[in-house]
């Protein structure tokens, strides 16, 4: 699984790539990333375990945005146990 986070103006774009599934979500701030993850999981019907080995890519984002999203991914990997 691969997640690409990019920023355009004040909006964040989160692209989820899992096999042939590609979903794009536009969010206002990094804290809303968890909501995008929830929507992607429900829509694509994948298991949370795929977030354990996720590849994150950040394009034109700030350090705070990157840290918040990394913390959310880390929290998801702990919640699986």
Protein backbone atom coordinates (compact mmCIF):
# COMPACT_ATOMS: atom_id res chain seq x y z
CA UNK A 1 0.00 0.00 0.00
CA UNK A 2 1.18 3.51 -0.80
CA UNK A 3 -0.15 6.84 0.40
CA UNK A 4 0.84 10.09 -1.28
CA UNK A 5 0.19 13.35 0.56
CA UNK A 6 0.51 16.59 -1.35
CA UNK A 7 -0.51 20.15 -0.64
CA UNK A 8 -2.15 22.65 -2.96
CA UNK A 9 -2.81 26.05 -1.46
CA UNK A 10 -4.29 25.29 1.96
CA UNK A 11 -5.81 21.92 1.03
CA UNK A 12 -4.18 18.51 1.48
CA UNK A 13 -4.67 15.78 -1.06
CA UNK A 14 -4.38 12.21 0.21
CA UNK A 15 -4.07 9.53 -2.46
CA UNK A 16 -4.43 5.91 -1.38
CA UNK A 17 -2.95 3.29 -3.72
CA UNK A 18 -3.65 -0.37 -2.98
CA UNK A 19 -3.22 -2.72 -5.93
CA UNK A 20 -5.54 -1.44 -8.64
CA UNK A 21 -7.53 0.66 -6.18
CA UNK A 22 -6.69 4.37 -6.22
CA UNK A 23 -8.71 6.82 -4.13
CA UNK A 24 -8.14 10.54 -3.67
CA UNK A 25 -9.44 12.65 -0.76
CA UNK A 26 -9.16 16.40 -0.29
CA UNK A 27 -8.91 17.42 3.36
CA UNK A 28 -8.57 20.77 5.08
CA UNK A 29 -5.96 19.82 7.65
CA UNK A 30 -3.78 16.88 8.64
CA UNK A 31 -5.96 16.02 11.63
CA UNK A 32 -8.75 15.05 9.20
CA UNK A 33 -6.50 12.40 7.63
CA UNK A 34 -7.93 9.74 9.96
CA UNK A 35 -11.40 10.40 8.54
CA UNK A 36 -10.02 9.87 5.03
CA UNK A 37 -8.45 6.59 6.16
CA UNK A 38 -11.81 5.46 7.59
CA UNK A 39 -13.63 6.33 4.36
CA UNK A 40 -11.01 4.51 2.27
CA UNK A 41 -11.23 1.37 4.44
CA UNK A 42 -15.03 1.30 4.23
CA UNK A 43 -15.15 2.05 0.51
CA UNK A 44 -12.47 -0.41 -0.60
CA UNK A 45 -13.23 -3.04 2.07
CA UNK A 46 -9.59 -3.63 2.91
CA UNK A 47 -8.26 -4.67 6.27
CA UNK A 48 -6.46 -2.35 8.63
CA UNK A 49 -3.40 -4.65 8.54
CA UNK A 50 -2.39 -3.17 5.18
CA UNK A 51 -1.51 0.08 6.97
CA UNK A 52 1.24 -1.79 8.82
CA UNK A 53 3.55 -1.73 5.78
CA UNK A 54 2.38 1.48 4.16
CA UNK A 55 4.77 3.59 2.08
CA UNK A 56 4.24 7.28 2.73
CA UNK A 57 5.22 9.97 0.24
CA UNK A 58 4.98 13.69 0.97
CA UNK A 59 5.02 16.34 -1.76
CA UNK A 60 5.17 20.07 -0.92
CA UNK A 61 3.91 19.65 2.64
CA UNK A 62 5.09 21.17 5.88
CA UNK A 63 6.94 19.31 8.62
CA UNK A 64 3.96 19.57 10.99
CA UNK A 65 1.65 17.96 8.42
CA UNK A 66 4.13 15.15 7.91
CA UNK A 67 4.48 14.54 11.65
CA UNK A 68 0.71 14.47 12.25
CA UNK A 69 0.13 11.98 9.44
CA UNK A 70 3.04 9.77 10.52
CA UNK A 71 1.62 9.77 14.07
CA UNK A 72 -1.79 8.71 12.77
CA UNK A 73 -0.26 5.84 10.74
CA UNK A 74 1.78 4.77 13.76
CA UNK A 75 -1.35 4.82 15.92
CA UNK A 76 -3.17 2.65 13.38
CA UNK A 77 -0.40 0.06 13.49
CA UNK A 78 -0.66 -0.09 17.30
CA UNK A 79 -4.45 -0.35 17.25
CA UNK A 80 -4.25 -3.61 15.31
CA UNK A 81 -2.70 -5.50 18.24
